[in-house]
Amino acid sequence: MSCELYKSEMYAWRAGSDAASFRPLFDHLTICPECATLFEQVTASDESLQRTFRGFPESPDLEDRIFAGLARQRAQGAARSTTAKRV
């Protein structure tokens, strides 16, 4: 599989997700340093956002909406970079 598929999986993964369903991603990260670095950056960014949320009053769906929007934004960016490489 290509790194692009794994990158989309990175954006879908969250701490507490079912690790077994992400096993192919984690296997790929052990052999691809570029994806491993990106995964560390994505995870750090997500953790930073979660710490920020803890500082505000709870909203039942705000965190989910923001992470869903961030995942869409990241996927669009990945699609643009893939298109740009083909040109």
PDB file of N, CA and C in Angstrom:
ATOM      1  N   MET A   1       0.838  -1.184   0.000  1.00  0.00           N
ATOM      2  CA  MET A   1       0.000   0.000   0.000  1.00  0.00           C
ATOM      3  C   MET A   1       0.882   1.246   0.000  1.00  0.00           C
ATOM      4  N   SER A   2       0.323   2.321  -0.488  1.00  0.00           N
ATOM      5  CA  SER A   2       1.087   3.566  -0.556  1.00  0.00           C
ATOM      6  C   SER A   2       1.014   4.319   0.767  1.00  0.00           C
ATOM      7  N   CYS A   3       1.976   5.202   0.945  1.00  0.00           N
ATOM      8  CA  CYS A   3       2.002   6.026   2.154  1.00  0.00           C
ATOM      9  C   CYS A   3       0.752   6.895   2.256  1.00  0.00           C
ATOM     10  N   GLU A   4       0.178   7.295   1.127  1.00  0.00           N
ATOM     11  CA  GLU A   4      -1.003   8.168   1.163  1.00  0.00           C
ATOM     12  C   GLU A   4      -2.154   7.501   1.917  1.00  0.00           C
ATOM     13  N   LEU A   5      -2.356   6.215   1.723  1.00  0.00           N
ATOM     14  CA  LEU A   5      -3.416   5.513   2.454  1.00  0.00           C
ATOM     15  C   LEU A   5      -3.117   5.529   3.943  1.00  0.00           C
ATOM     16  N   TYR A   6      -1.873   5.273   4.297  1.00  0.00           N
ATOM     17  CA  TYR A   6      -1.510   5.270   5.714  1.00  0.00           C
ATOM     18  C   TYR A   6      -1.650   6.652   6.324  1.00  0.00           C
ATOM     19  N   LYS A   7      -1.365   7.684   5.541  1.00  0.00           N
ATOM     20  CA  LYS A   7      -1.527   9.041   6.058  1.00  0.00           C
ATOM     21  C   LYS A   7      -2.984   9.314   6.401  1.00  0.00           C
ATOM     22  N   SER A   8      -3.904   8.849   5.579  1.00  0.00           N
ATOM     23  CA  SER A   8      -5.318   9.049   5.902  1.00  0.00           C
ATOM     24  C   SER A   8      -5.696   8.273   7.158  1.00  0.00           C
ATOM     25  N   GLU A   9      -5.070   7.113   7.363  1.00  0.00           N
ATOM     26  CA  GLU A   9      -5.323   6.334   8.583  1.00  0.00           C
ATOM     27  C   GLU A   9      -4.790   7.072   9.813  1.00  0.00           C
ATOM     28  N   MET A  10      -3.664   7.757   9.657  1.00  0.00           N
ATOM     29  CA  MET A  10      -3.090   8.519  10.779  1.00  0.00           C
ATOM     30  C   MET A  10      -4.080   9.550  11.283  1.00  0.00           C
ATOM     31  N   TYR A  11      -4.738  10.218  10.338  1.00  0.00           N
ATOM     32  CA  TYR A  11      -5.676  11.275  10.709  1.00  0.00           C
ATOM     33  C   TYR A  11      -6.937  10.711  11.344  1.00  0.00           C
ATOM     34  N   ALA A  12      -7.244   9.456  11.066  1.00  0.00           N
ATOM     35  CA  ALA A  12      -8.432   8.829  11.646  1.00  0.00           C
ATOM     36  C   ALA A  12      -8.155   8.271  13.040  1.00  0.00           C
ATOM     37  N   TRP A  13      -6.905   7.927  13.327  1.00  0.00           N
ATOM     38  CA  TRP A  13      -6.553   7.327  14.608  1.00  0.00           C
ATOM     39  C   TRP A  13      -6.626   8.341  15.730  1.00  0.00           C
ATOM     40  N   ARG A  14      -7.143   7.922  16.865  1.00  0.00           N
ATOM     41  CA  ARG A  14      -7.174   8.733  18.081  1.00  0.00           C
ATOM     42  C   ARG A  14      -6.744   7.840  19.242  1.00  0.00           C
ATOM     43  N   ALA A  15      -6.129   8.445  20.237  1.00  0.00           N
ATOM     44  CA  ALA A  15      -5.793   7.694  21.449  1.00  0.00           C
ATOM     45  C   ALA A  15      -7.069   7.042  21.963  1.00  0.00           C
ATOM     46  N   GLY A  16      -6.989   5.783  22.291  1.00  0.00           N
ATOM     47  CA  GLY A  16      -8.159   5.046  22.739  1.00  0.00           C
ATOM     48  C   GLY A  16      -8.869   4.303  21.625  1.00  0.00           C
ATOM     49  N   SER A  17      -8.426   4.524  20.371  1.00  0.00           N
ATOM     50  CA  SER A  17      -9.012   3.781  19.247  1.00  0.00           C
ATOM     51  C   SER A  17      -8.644   2.305  19.373  1.00  0.00           C
ATOM     52  N   ASP A  18      -9.415   1.466  18.716  1.00  0.00           N
ATOM     53  CA  ASP A  18      -9.137   0.032  18.701  1.00  0.00           C
ATOM     54  C   ASP A  18      -7.823  -0.208  17.963  1.00  0.00           C
ATOM     55  N   ALA A  19      -6.777  -0.544  18.701  1.00  0.00           N
ATOM     56  CA  ALA A  19      -5.438  -0.711  18.117  1.00  0.00           C
ATOM     57  C   ALA A  19      -5.407  -1.799  17.050  1.00  0.00           C
ATOM     58  N   ALA A  20      -6.183  -2.847  17.222  1.00  0.00           N
ATOM     59  CA  ALA A  20      -6.174  -3.947  16.254  1.00  0.00           C
ATOM     60  C   ALA A  20      -6.614  -3.482  14.868  1.00  0.00           C
ATOM     61  N   SER A  21      -7.559  -2.570  14.803  1.00  0.00           N
ATOM     62  CA  SER A  21      -8.031  -2.100  13.502  1.00  0.00           C
ATOM     63  C   SER A  21      -7.012  -1.186  12.820  1.00  0.00           C
ATOM     64  N   PHE A  22      -6.039  -0.702  13.570  1.00  0.00           N
ATOM     65  CA  PHE A  22      -4.996   0.155  13.010  1.00  0.00           C
ATOM     66  C   PHE A  22      -3.651  -0.573  12.907  1.00  0.00           C
ATOM     67  N   ARG A  23      -3.653  -1.896  13.069  1.00  0.00           N
ATOM     68  CA  ARG A  23      -2.418  -2.683  13.027  1.00  0.00           C
ATOM     69  C   ARG A  23      -1.629  -2.457  11.739  1.00  0.00           C
ATOM     70  N   PRO A  24      -2.258  -2.441  10.549  1.00  0.00           N
ATOM     71  CA  PRO A  24      -1.476  -2.188   9.334  1.00  0.00           C
ATOM     72  C   PRO A  24      -0.752  -0.840   9.374  1.00  0.00           C
ATOM     73  N   LEU A  25      -1.385   0.179   9.929  1.00  0.00           N
ATOM     74  CA  LEU A  25      -0.746   1.478  10.060  1.00  0.00           C
ATOM     75  C   LEU A  25       0.487   1.372  10.951  1.00  0.00           C
ATOM     76  N   PHE A  26       0.334   0.770  12.123  1.00  0.00           N
ATOM     77  CA  PHE A  26       1.454   0.682  13.057  1.00  0.00           C
ATOM     78  C   PHE A  26       2.586  -0.175  12.482  1.00  0.00           C
ATOM     79  N   ASP A  27       2.237  -1.204  11.726  1.00  0.00           N
ATOM     80  CA  ASP A  27       3.267  -2.009  11.058  1.00  0.00           C
ATOM     81  C   ASP A  27       4.027  -1.153  10.045  1.00  0.00           C
ATOM     82  N   HIS A  28       3.299  -0.338   9.295  1.00  0.00           N
ATOM     83  CA  HIS A  28       3.924   0.536   8.304  1.00  0.00           C
ATOM     84  C   HIS A  28       4.853   1.552   8.977  1.00  0.00           C
ATOM     85  N   LEU A  29       4.437   2.080  10.116  1.00  0.00           N
ATOM     86  CA  LEU A  29       5.242   3.085  10.809  1.00  0.00           C
ATOM     87  C   LEU A  29       6.598   2.533  11.238  1.00  0.00           C
ATOM     88  N   THR A  30       6.678   1.228  11.451  1.00  0.00           N
ATOM     89  CA  THR A  30       7.958   0.635  11.860  1.00  0.00           C
ATOM     90  C   THR A  30       8.950   0.570  10.708  1.00  0.00           C
ATOM     91  N   ILE A  31       8.474   0.668   9.464  1.00  0.00           N
ATOM     92  CA  ILE A  31       9.387   0.558   8.315  1.00  0.00           C
ATOM     93  C   ILE A  31       9.487   1.834   7.487  1.00  0.00           C
ATOM     94  N   CYS A  32       8.682   2.848   7.806  1.00  0.00           N
ATOM     95  CA  CYS A  32       8.692   4.082   7.016  1.00  0.00           C
ATOM     96  C   CYS A  32       8.987   5.271   7.926  1.00  0.00           C
ATOM     97  N   PRO A  33      10.231   5.750   7.935  1.00  0.00           N
ATOM     98  CA  PRO A  33      10.578   6.858   8.828  1.00  0.00           C
ATOM     99  C   PRO A  33       9.810   8.147   8.519  1.00  0.00           C
ATOM    100  N   GLU A  34       9.503   8.396   7.252  1.00  0.00           N
ATOM    101  CA  GLU A  34       8.761   9.608   6.898  1.00  0.00           C
ATOM    102  C   GLU A  34       7.372   9.587   7.523  1.00  0.00           C
ATOM    103  N   CYS A  35       6.680   8.469   7.401  1.00  0.00           N
ATOM    104  CA  CYS A  35       5.342   8.355   7.986  1.00  0.00           C
ATOM    105  C   CYS A  35       5.415   8.351   9.514  1.00  0.00           C
ATOM    106  N   ALA A  36       6.452   7.739  10.076  1.00  0.00           N
ATOM    107  CA  ALA A  36       6.602   7.719  11.537  1.00  0.00           C
ATOM    108  C   ALA A  36       6.759   9.135  12.075  1.00  0.00           C
ATOM    109  N   THR A  37       7.534   9.961  11.378  1.00  0.00           N
ATOM    110  CA  THR A  37       7.717  11.348  11.788  1.00  0.00           C
ATOM    111  C   THR A  37       6.404  12.119  11.680  1.00  0.00           C
ATOM    112  N   LEU A  38       5.695  11.940  10.572  1.00  0.00           N
ATOM    113  CA  LEU A  38       4.411  12.621  10.404  1.00  0.00           C
ATOM    114  C   LEU A  38       3.430  12.182  11.486  1.00  0.00           C
ATOM    115  N   PHE A  39       3.395  10.888  11.798  1.00  0.00           N
ATOM    116  CA  PHE A  39       2.486  10.378  12.824  1.00  0.00           C
ATOM    117  C   PHE A  39       2.797  11.024  14.173  1.00  0.00           C
ATOM    118  N   GLU A  40       4.067  11.184  14.501  1.00  0.00           N
ATOM    119  CA  GLU A  40       4.448  11.841  15.750  1.00  0.00           C
ATOM    120  C   GLU A  40       3.943  13.282  15.771  1.00  0.00           C
ATOM    121  N   GLN A  41       4.056  13.971  14.640  1.00  0.00           N
ATOM    122  CA  GLN A  41       3.603  15.364  14.561  1.00  0.00           C
ATOM    123  C   GLN A  41       2.083  15.456  14.702  1.00  0.00           C
ATOM    124  N   VAL A  42       1.373  14.577  14.014  1.00  0.00           N
ATOM    125  CA  VAL A  42      -0.097  14.574  14.082  1.00  0.00           C
ATOM    126  C   VAL A  42      -0.555  14.260  15.499  1.00  0.00           C
ATOM    127  N   THR A  43       0.068  13.263  16.107  1.00  0.00           N
ATOM    128  CA  THR A  43      -0.298  12.868  17.471  1.00  0.00           C
ATOM    129  C   THR A  43      -0.022  13.999  18.458  1.00  0.00           C
ATOM    130  N   ALA A  44       1.136  14.655  18.321  1.00  0.00           N
ATOM    131  CA  ALA A  44       1.469  15.772  19.210  1.00  0.00           C
ATOM    132  C   ALA A  44       0.477  16.913  19.047  1.00  0.00           C
ATOM    133  N   SER A  45       0.090  17.192  17.812  1.00  0.00           N
ATOM    134  CA  SER A  45      -0.883  18.250  17.552  1.00  0.00           C
ATOM    135  C   SER A  45      -2.229  17.919  18.194  1.00  0.00           C
ATOM    136  N   ASP A  46      -2.664  16.672  18.027  1.00  0.00           N
ATOM    137  CA  ASP A  46      -3.932  16.252  18.616  1.00  0.00           C
ATOM    138  C   ASP A  46      -3.893  16.327  20.140  1.00  0.00           C
ATOM    139  N   GLU A  47      -2.772  15.906  20.736  1.00  0.00           N
ATOM    140  CA  GLU A  47      -2.643  15.969  22.192  1.00  0.00           C
ATOM    141  C   GLU A  47      -2.682  17.412  22.686  1.00  0.00           C
ATOM    142  N   SER A  48      -2.060  18.304  21.937  1.00  0.00           N
ATOM    143  CA  SER A  48      -2.087  19.725  22.292  1.00  0.00           C
ATOM    144  C   SER A  48      -3.513  20.261  22.266  1.00  0.00           C
ATOM    145  N   LEU A  49      -4.261  19.888  21.238  1.00  0.00           N
ATOM    146  CA  LEU A  49      -5.662  20.313  21.155  1.00  0.00           C
ATOM    147  C   LEU A  49      -6.473  19.764  22.326  1.00  0.00           C
ATOM    148  N   GLN A  50      -6.233  18.517  22.680  1.00  0.00           N
ATOM    149  CA  GLN A  50      -6.980  17.919  23.786  1.00  0.00           C
ATOM    150  C   GLN A  50      -6.668  18.632  25.105  1.00  0.00           C
ATOM    151  N   ARG A  51      -5.406  19.009  25.315  1.00  0.00           N
ATOM    152  CA  ARG A  51      -5.051  19.761  26.537  1.00  0.00           C
ATOM    153  C   ARG A  51      -5.776  21.106  26.555  1.00  0.00           C
ATOM    154  N   THR A  52      -5.872  21.729  25.394  1.00  0.00           N
ATOM    155  CA  THR A  52      -6.573  23.012  25.297  1.00  0.00           C
ATOM    156  C   THR A  52      -8.043  22.840  25.663  1.00  0.00           C
ATOM    157  N   PHE A  53      -8.678  21.763  25.168  1.00  0.00           N
ATOM    158  CA  PHE A  53     -10.091  21.528  25.461  1.00  0.00           C
ATOM    159  C   PHE A  53     -10.337  21.370  26.954  1.00  0.00           C
ATOM    160  N   ARG A  54      -9.395  20.769  27.643  1.00  0.00           N
ATOM    161  CA  ARG A  54      -9.572  20.544  29.081  1.00  0.00           C
ATOM    162  C   ARG A  54      -9.661  21.858  29.858  1.00  0.00           C
ATOM    163  N   GLY A  55      -9.173  22.954  29.264  1.00  0.00           N
ATOM    164  CA  GLY A  55      -9.199  24.246  29.932  1.00  0.00           C
ATOM    165  C   GLY A  55     -10.511  24.998  29.771  1.00  0.00           C
ATOM    166  N   PHE A  56     -11.447  24.441  29.034  1.00  0.00           N
ATOM    167  CA  PHE A  56     -12.720  25.109  28.773  1.00  0.00           C
ATOM    168  C   PHE A  56     -13.876  24.262  29.289  1.00  0.00           C
ATOM    169  N   PRO A  57     -15.021  24.910  29.548  1.00  0.00           N
ATOM    170  CA  PRO A  57     -16.195  24.138  29.979  1.00  0.00           C
ATOM    171  C   PRO A  57     -16.540  23.077  28.929  1.00  0.00           C
ATOM    172  N   GLU A  58     -17.040  21.963  29.410  1.00  0.00           N
ATOM    173  CA  GLU A  58     -17.355  20.858  28.515  1.00  0.00           C
ATOM    174  C   GLU A  58     -18.479  21.184  27.546  1.00  0.00           C
ATOM    175  N   SER A  59     -18.285  20.761  26.325  1.00  0.00           N
ATOM    176  CA  SER A  59     -19.311  20.832  25.297  1.00  0.00           C
ATOM    177  C   SER A  59     -19.394  19.429  24.717  1.00  0.00           C
ATOM    178  N   PRO A  60     -20.550  18.800  24.734  1.00  0.00           N
ATOM    179  CA  PRO A  60     -20.663  17.390  24.369  1.00  0.00           C
ATOM    180  C   PRO A  60     -20.107  17.031  22.992  1.00  0.00           C
ATOM    181  N   ASP A  61     -20.200  17.932  22.029  1.00  0.00           N
ATOM    182  CA  ASP A  61     -19.759  17.538  20.691  1.00  0.00           C
ATOM    183  C   ASP A  61     -18.718  18.461  20.078  1.00  0.00           C
ATOM    184  N   LEU A  62     -18.277  19.464  20.812  1.00  0.00           N
ATOM    185  CA  LEU A  62     -17.324  20.418  20.243  1.00  0.00           C
ATOM    186  C   LEU A  62     -16.020  19.740  19.831  1.00  0.00           C
ATOM    187  N   GLU A  63     -15.455  18.932  20.700  1.00  0.00           N
ATOM    188  CA  GLU A  63     -14.188  18.263  20.394  1.00  0.00           C
ATOM    189  C   GLU A  63     -14.338  17.377  19.158  1.00  0.00           C
ATOM    190  N   ASP A  64     -15.404  16.598  19.087  1.00  0.00           N
ATOM    191  CA  ASP A  64     -15.624  15.730  17.923  1.00  0.00           C
ATOM    192  C   ASP A  64     -15.745  16.540  16.641  1.00  0.00           C
ATOM    193  N   ARG A  65     -16.457  17.653  16.698  1.00  0.00           N
ATOM    194  CA  ARG A  65     -16.619  18.495  15.497  1.00  0.00           C
ATOM    195  C   ARG A  65     -15.297  19.085  15.046  1.00  0.00           C
ATOM    196  N   ILE A  66     -14.506  19.546  15.991  1.00  0.00           N
ATOM    197  CA  ILE A  66     -13.212  20.142  15.638  1.00  0.00           C
ATOM    198  C   ILE A  66     -12.279  19.087  15.059  1.00  0.00           C
ATOM    199  N   PHE A  67     -12.195  17.919  15.694  1.00  0.00           N
ATOM    200  CA  PHE A  67     -11.330  16.872  15.164  1.00  0.00           C
ATOM    201  C   PHE A  67     -11.811  16.370  13.805  1.00  0.00           C
ATOM    202  N   ALA A  68     -13.116  16.310  13.603  1.00  0.00           N
ATOM    203  CA  ALA A  68     -13.631  15.899  12.296  1.00  0.00           C
ATOM    204  C   ALA A  68     -13.270  16.937  11.236  1.00  0.00           C
ATOM    205  N   GLY A  69     -13.387  18.204  11.569  1.00  0.00           N
ATOM    206  CA  GLY A  69     -13.001  19.263  10.638  1.00  0.00           C
ATOM    207  C   GLY A  69     -11.511  19.233  10.348  1.00  0.00           C
ATOM    208  N   LEU A  70     -10.711  18.978  11.378  1.00  0.00           N
ATOM    209  CA  LEU A  70      -9.271  18.888  11.190  1.00  0.00           C
ATOM    210  C   LEU A  70      -8.918  17.699  10.304  1.00  0.00           C
ATOM    211  N   ALA A  71      -9.579  16.579  10.492  1.00  0.00           N
ATOM    212  CA  ALA A  71      -9.327  15.406   9.652  1.00  0.00           C
ATOM    213  C   ALA A  71      -9.682  15.695   8.194  1.00  0.00           C
ATOM    214  N   ARG A  72     -10.802  16.388   7.964  1.00  0.00           N
ATOM    215  CA  ARG A  72     -11.178  16.758   6.591  1.00  0.00           C
ATOM    216  C   ARG A  72     -10.136  17.687   5.974  1.00  0.00           C
ATOM    217  N   GLN A  73      -9.696  18.664   6.774  1.00  0.00           N
ATOM    218  CA  GLN A  73      -8.702  19.618   6.287  1.00  0.00           C
ATOM    219  C   GLN A  73      -7.395  18.900   5.939  1.00  0.00           C
ATOM    220  N   ARG A  74      -6.968  17.987   6.786  1.00  0.00           N
ATOM    221  CA  ARG A  74      -5.739  17.241   6.514  1.00  0.00           C
ATOM    222  C   ARG A  74      -5.892  16.377   5.275  1.00  0.00           C
ATOM    223  N   ALA A  75      -7.043  15.730   5.122  1.00  0.00           N
ATOM    224  CA  ALA A  75      -7.277  14.874   3.953  1.00  0.00           C
ATOM    225  C   ALA A  75      -7.275  15.697   2.674  1.00  0.00           C
ATOM    226  N   GLN A  76      -7.864  16.874   2.721  1.00  0.00           N
ATOM    227  CA  GLN A  76      -7.863  17.744   1.543  1.00  0.00           C
ATOM    228  C   GLN A  76      -6.450  18.175   1.198  1.00  0.00           C
ATOM    229  N   GLY A  77      -5.647  18.470   2.209  1.00  0.00           N
ATOM    230  CA  GLY A  77      -4.260  18.855   1.985  1.00  0.00           C
ATOM    231  C   GLY A  77      -3.467  17.706   1.380  1.00  0.00           C
ATOM    232  N   ALA A  78      -3.716  16.494   1.853  1.00  0.00           N
ATOM    233  CA  ALA A  78      -3.020  15.314   1.318  1.00  0.00           C
ATOM    234  C   ALA A  78      -3.441  15.077  -0.122  1.00  0.00           C
ATOM    235  N   ALA A  79      -4.721  15.283  -0.413  1.00  0.00           N
ATOM    236  CA  ALA A  79      -5.213  15.096  -1.798  1.00  0.00           C
ATOM    237  C   ALA A  79      -4.599  16.136  -2.720  1.00  0.00           C
ATOM    238  N   ARG A  80      -4.471  17.360  -2.232  1.00  0.00           N
ATOM    239  CA  ARG A  80      -3.851  18.413  -3.051  1.00  0.00           C
ATOM    240  C   ARG A  80      -2.399  18.091  -3.328  1.00  0.00           C
ATOM    241  N   SER A  81      -1.661  17.604  -2.334  1.00  0.00           N
ATOM    242  CA  SER A  81      -0.248  17.315  -2.547  1.00  0.00           C
ATOM    243  C   SER A  81      -0.077  16.134  -3.490  1.00  0.00           C
ATOM    244  N   THR A  82      -0.982  15.172  -3.464  1.00  0.00           N
ATOM    245  CA  THR A  82      -0.932  14.041  -4.377  1.00  0.00           C
ATOM    246  C   THR A  82      -1.201  14.516  -5.803  1.00  0.00           C
ATOM    247  N   THR A  83      -2.183  15.408  -5.960  1.00  0.00           N
ATOM    248  CA  THR A  83      -2.509  15.962  -7.281  1.00  0.00           C
ATOM    249  C   THR A  83      -1.348  16.781  -7.808  1.00  0.00           C
ATOM    250  N   ALA A  84      -0.720  17.563  -6.939  1.00  0.00           N
ATOM    251  CA  ALA A  84       0.400  18.403  -7.360  1.00  0.00           C
ATOM    252  C   ALA A  84       1.577  17.561  -7.824  1.00  0.00           C
ATOM    253  N   LYS A  85       1.789  16.408  -7.205  1.00  0.00           N
ATOM    254  CA  LYS A  85       2.902  15.541  -7.587  1.00  0.00           C
ATOM    255  C   LYS A  85       2.683  14.941  -8.969  1.00  0.00           C
ATOM    256  N   ARG A  86       1.429  14.729  -9.335  1.00  0.00           N
ATOM    257  CA  ARG A  86       1.116  14.117 -10.634  1.00  0.00           C
ATOM    258  C   ARG A  86       1.266  15.106 -11.783  1.00  0.00           C
ATOM    259  N   VAL A  87       1.177  16.399 -11.482  1.00  0.00           N
ATOM    260  CA  VAL A  87       1.219  17.431 -12.526  1.00  0.00           C
ATOM    261  C   VAL A  87       2.610  17.598 -13.054  1.00  0.00           C
TER     262      VAL A  87
END
